[in-house]
Amino acid sequence: MKKIDKTMDKGLIKSFIKTVSIFKGMAQDDLELITTNALEVSYDKGDIICKKGSTAHTIHILKTGIVTEFAMDQNDFTVVIKKGVPKDCFGELGVLLGDNYVTTVVAATSVTVISIPDTYFKETVWKTKSALKEILSLCLARLQKSAQKSISYTMFNSEGRLAYTLLMLHNEKTDSKYIKTTQEKLSTKCGIARQTASVILNKWKKDNLIEISRGKIAVLDTEKMTDIAMDGAKM
């Protein structure tokens, strides 16, 4: 159930908003305008935060919890785009374009979000180059992930798909040799059976191509993994 906390200290809201990438380069007066009009809203697990096709009148910034973002085609076929985590934003494109929400976002756990009305978001963001640049960067990242998923599902067999996905995750990590994921999550991400993924991963482990630990995997030989992905491409 949606619950609005009208008692939330505006200073705490401002402190949080300043840590979100879109707002980091924003002028203080504009931050004050947004903070003054922002609200902290709580949702229960399963609640819809914004729905594709409905009027985009608010931007939502996830403060606590996890959400799931879905896209739907004209036949209402639904696919998960991403899992949203704290500081992720939703609804910014619909608001800036004065259009509808382009995706549906559902609370995967109990969550709290900072909601900013469209009027104040547009007024401040359209004149802040750093904010617009960050929004475009986020859009590009989403497009790249969507393209990667499409390539994975349409161009590779099971082994090639798993190798391709591991390489993508390997290239995305920043400060560790390990990819933080389980075999079950990896198989789901690739769209292949858990047992099939386990057989392939164990074979690669024996061949010293990967290292498997509890909740994490490391790619040890990117060249051979690339070869496996290319060999697994559907001709």
Protein backbone atom coordinates (compact mmCIF):
# COMPACT_ATOMS: atom_id res chain seq x y z
CA MET A 1 0.00 0.00 0.00
CA LYS A 2 1.30 3.45 -0.92
CA LYS A 3 2.13 5.61 2.11
CA ILE A 4 3.36 9.22 1.94
CA ASP A 5 5.58 10.43 4.77
CA LYS A 6 4.89 14.17 5.04
CA THR A 7 7.01 14.44 8.19
CA MET A 8 10.29 13.43 6.51
CA ASP A 9 13.02 15.99 7.22
CA LYS A 10 13.77 17.96 4.03
CA GLY A 11 17.44 18.14 4.97
CA LEU A 12 17.68 14.34 4.90
CA ILE A 13 15.91 14.25 1.54
CA LYS A 14 18.33 16.83 0.15
CA SER A 15 21.35 14.90 1.47
CA PHE A 16 20.12 11.78 -0.30
CA ILE A 17 19.23 13.51 -3.58
CA LYS A 18 22.73 15.06 -3.75
CA THR A 19 24.24 11.55 -3.88
CA VAL A 20 22.20 10.58 -6.97
CA SER A 21 24.22 10.96 -10.17
CA ILE A 22 21.63 13.03 -12.05
CA PHE A 23 21.67 15.78 -9.42
CA LYS A 24 25.37 15.93 -8.48
CA GLY A 25 26.16 18.95 -10.67
CA MET A 26 22.93 20.82 -10.01
CA ALA A 27 22.91 24.39 -8.65
CA GLN A 28 22.01 24.80 -4.99
CA ASP A 29 18.90 26.87 -5.73
CA ASP A 30 17.59 24.13 -8.02
CA LEU A 31 18.33 21.45 -5.42
CA GLU A 32 16.40 23.48 -2.88
CA LEU A 33 13.43 23.72 -5.26
CA ILE A 34 13.41 19.98 -5.82
CA THR A 35 13.91 19.15 -2.14
CA THR A 36 11.11 21.48 -1.02
CA ASN A 37 8.64 19.71 -3.30
CA ALA A 38 9.88 16.13 -2.97
CA LEU A 39 8.16 13.51 -0.84
CA GLU A 40 9.24 10.20 0.65
CA VAL A 41 6.78 7.47 -0.33
CA SER A 42 6.66 3.86 0.89
CA TYR A 43 5.34 0.88 -1.09
CA ASP A 44 4.65 -2.70 -0.07
CA LYS A 45 6.06 -5.66 -1.98
CA GLY A 46 4.06 -6.14 -5.19
CA ASP A 47 2.85 -2.54 -5.44
CA ILE A 48 3.08 -0.83 -8.83
CA ILE A 49 5.16 2.35 -8.55
CA CYS A 50 4.65 3.48 -12.13
CA LYS A 51 2.89 1.82 -15.06
CA LYS A 52 3.75 1.84 -18.75
CA GLY A 53 1.28 3.95 -20.72
CA SER A 54 0.03 6.03 -17.78
CA THR A 55 0.81 9.74 -17.60
CA ALA A 56 4.31 10.42 -16.31
CA HIS A 57 3.71 13.04 -13.64
CA THR A 58 6.45 12.03 -11.16
CA ILE A 59 10.06 10.88 -11.19
CA HIS A 60 10.88 8.23 -8.61
CA ILE A 61 14.30 7.72 -6.99
CA LEU A 62 14.71 4.45 -5.14
CA LYS A 63 15.90 5.09 -1.57
CA THR A 64 15.61 1.65 0.03
CA GLY A 65 14.64 -1.81 -1.21
CA ILE A 66 14.60 -3.40 -4.66
CA VAL A 67 12.25 -2.93 -7.61
CA THR A 68 11.75 -4.77 -10.89
CA GLU A 69 11.42 -2.85 -14.14
CA PHE A 70 9.33 -4.44 -16.90
CA ALA A 71 8.81 -3.61 -20.56
CA MET A 72 5.77 -4.74 -22.55
CA ASP A 73 5.07 -4.89 -26.27
CA GLN A 74 1.78 -4.19 -28.04
CA ASN A 75 0.63 -7.72 -27.25
CA ASP A 76 1.31 -7.23 -23.53
CA PHE A 77 4.25 -9.66 -23.65
CA THR A 78 6.34 -8.77 -20.60
CA VAL A 79 10.09 -8.99 -20.12
CA VAL A 80 12.21 -7.99 -17.13
CA ILE A 81 14.60 -5.18 -18.05
CA LYS A 82 16.47 -4.83 -14.78
CA LYS A 83 16.43 -4.99 -11.03
CA GLY A 84 16.46 -1.50 -9.58
CA VAL A 85 18.57 -0.73 -6.53
CA PRO A 86 18.94 2.37 -4.31
CA LYS A 87 19.71 5.60 -6.22
CA ASP A 88 18.21 4.26 -9.46
CA CYS A 89 15.70 6.62 -11.10
CA PHE A 90 12.46 5.76 -12.87
CA GLY A 91 10.11 7.87 -14.95
CA GLU A 92 12.61 10.54 -15.93
CA LEU A 93 12.18 10.05 -19.70
CA GLY A 94 8.40 10.20 -19.62
CA VAL A 95 8.51 13.31 -17.45
CA LEU A 96 11.08 15.16 -19.57
CA LEU A 97 9.25 14.34 -22.80
CA GLY A 98 5.85 15.22 -21.33
CA ASP A 99 4.67 11.76 -22.28
CA ASN A 100 3.68 8.49 -20.61
CA TYR A 101 5.84 6.13 -18.56
CA VAL A 102 7.78 3.86 -20.93
CA THR A 103 8.14 0.95 -18.48
CA THR A 104 6.34 -0.55 -15.49
CA VAL A 105 8.13 -0.60 -12.14
CA VAL A 106 6.99 -2.93 -9.36
CA ALA A 107 8.25 -3.17 -5.77
CA ALA A 108 10.12 -6.48 -5.43
CA THR A 109 10.47 -5.82 -1.69
CA SER A 110 9.10 -3.19 0.64
CA VAL A 111 10.61 0.02 -0.73
CA THR A 112 10.84 3.73 -0.12
CA VAL A 113 11.25 6.22 -2.96
CA ILE A 114 11.77 9.94 -3.21
CA SER A 115 9.09 11.27 -5.56
CA ILE A 116 9.63 14.54 -7.43
CA PRO A 117 6.70 16.19 -9.30
CA ASP A 118 7.22 16.63 -13.03
CA THR A 119 7.02 20.44 -12.99
CA TYR A 120 10.02 20.90 -10.69
CA PHE A 121 12.06 18.12 -12.26
CA LYS A 122 11.68 19.54 -15.76
CA GLU A 123 12.31 23.11 -14.61
CA THR A 124 15.65 22.20 -13.06
CA VAL A 125 16.94 19.41 -15.29
CA TRP A 126 16.40 21.05 -18.70
CA LYS A 127 18.81 23.83 -17.73
CA THR A 128 21.43 21.56 -16.12
CA LYS A 129 23.79 20.10 -18.71
CA SER A 130 25.37 17.62 -16.31
CA ALA A 131 21.94 16.19 -15.45
CA LEU A 132 20.97 15.82 -19.10
CA LYS A 133 24.32 14.19 -19.89
CA GLU A 134 23.84 11.67 -17.08
CA ILE A 135 20.30 10.82 -18.23
CA LEU A 136 21.57 10.23 -21.77
CA SER A 137 24.37 8.03 -20.39
CA LEU A 138 21.84 5.97 -18.44
CA CYS A 139 19.71 5.58 -21.58
CA LEU A 140 22.75 4.42 -23.53
CA ALA A 141 23.58 1.86 -20.85
CA ARG A 142 20.01 0.52 -20.98
CA LEU A 143 20.16 0.26 -24.76
CA GLN A 144 23.45 -1.60 -24.58
CA LYS A 145 22.10 -4.08 -22.04
CA SER A 146 18.99 -4.59 -24.15
CA ALA A 147 21.15 -5.22 -27.23
CA GLN A 148 23.34 -7.66 -25.31
CA LYS A 149 20.31 -9.61 -24.13
CA SER A 150 18.88 -9.71 -27.66
CA ILE A 151 22.20 -10.93 -29.07
CA SER A 152 22.50 -13.56 -26.36
CA TYR A 153 19.05 -15.01 -27.00
CA THR A 154 19.08 -14.93 -30.80
CA MET A 155 22.66 -15.53 -31.90
CA PHE A 156 24.09 -18.23 -29.63
CA ASN A 157 23.45 -21.80 -28.57
CA SER A 158 23.40 -22.58 -24.82
CA GLU A 159 27.18 -22.78 -24.38
CA GLY A 160 27.82 -19.71 -26.49
CA ARG A 161 25.13 -17.80 -24.63
CA LEU A 162 26.66 -18.65 -21.27
CA ALA A 163 30.15 -17.67 -22.44
CA TYR A 164 28.89 -14.40 -23.94
CA THR A 165 27.03 -13.50 -20.74
CA LEU A 166 30.04 -14.26 -18.54
CA LEU A 167 32.23 -12.08 -20.75
CA MET A 168 29.75 -9.20 -20.50
CA LEU A 169 29.61 -9.50 -16.71
CA HIS A 170 33.41 -9.81 -16.56
CA ASN A 171 33.84 -6.57 -18.52
CA GLU A 172 31.28 -4.72 -16.37
CA LYS A 173 32.94 -5.42 -13.00
CA THR A 174 35.29 -2.77 -11.65
CA ASP A 175 37.21 -3.59 -8.49
CA SER A 176 37.43 -7.37 -8.23
CA LYS A 177 38.30 -10.38 -10.35
CA TYR A 178 35.04 -12.00 -9.30
CA ILE A 179 31.57 -11.70 -10.79
CA LYS A 180 29.11 -11.72 -7.91
CA THR A 181 26.43 -14.16 -9.03
CA THR A 182 25.17 -17.67 -8.40
CA GLN A 183 24.83 -20.44 -10.96
CA GLU A 184 21.05 -20.23 -10.59
CA LYS A 185 20.99 -16.47 -11.30
CA LEU A 186 23.38 -16.91 -14.20
CA SER A 187 21.26 -19.63 -15.79
CA THR A 188 18.16 -17.45 -15.43
CA LYS A 189 19.96 -14.50 -16.99
CA CYS A 190 21.00 -16.68 -19.94
CA GLY A 191 17.58 -18.31 -20.30
CA ILE A 192 18.93 -21.85 -20.02
CA ALA A 193 18.19 -24.67 -17.58
CA ARG A 194 20.03 -24.62 -14.25
CA GLN A 195 21.31 -28.17 -14.81
CA THR A 196 22.61 -27.31 -18.29
CA ALA A 197 24.46 -24.28 -16.94
CA SER A 198 25.95 -26.35 -14.11
CA VAL A 199 27.31 -28.98 -16.51
CA ILE A 200 28.90 -26.35 -18.75
CA LEU A 201 30.38 -24.35 -15.86
CA ASN A 202 31.87 -27.44 -14.22
CA LYS A 203 33.48 -28.42 -17.53
CA TRP A 204 35.00 -24.94 -17.85
CA LYS A 205 36.21 -25.14 -14.26
CA LYS A 206 38.05 -28.40 -14.99
CA ASP A 207 39.60 -26.76 -18.06
CA ASN A 208 40.79 -23.84 -15.87
CA LEU A 209 38.76 -21.33 -17.85
CA ILE A 210 36.83 -20.12 -14.82
CA GLU A 211 36.98 -20.20 -11.04
CA ILE A 212 33.81 -20.93 -9.08
CA SER A 213 33.34 -19.97 -5.43
CA ARG A 214 30.25 -19.54 -3.28
CA GLY A 215 28.20 -16.75 -4.84
CA LYS A 216 30.89 -15.67 -7.29
CA ILE A 217 32.61 -16.67 -10.52
CA ALA A 218 35.87 -15.48 -12.10
CA VAL A 219 36.77 -15.68 -15.78
CA LEU A 220 40.41 -16.82 -15.94
CA ASP A 221 40.90 -17.01 -19.71
CA THR A 222 38.97 -14.37 -21.66
CA GLU A 223 40.51 -15.36 -25.01
CA LYS A 224 39.33 -18.96 -24.81
CA MET A 225 35.96 -17.82 -23.46
CA THR A 226 35.61 -15.52 -26.47
CA ASP A 227 36.44 -18.43 -28.77
CA ILE A 228 33.72 -20.51 -27.12
CA ALA A 229 31.21 -17.71 -27.58
CA MET A 230 32.13 -17.32 -31.25
CA ASP A 231 32.02 -21.08 -31.83
CA GLY A 232 28.58 -21.12 -30.22
CA ALA A 233 27.18 -18.47 -32.56
CA LYS A 234 24.30 -19.68 -34.69
CA MET A 235 25.17 -19.54 -38.36
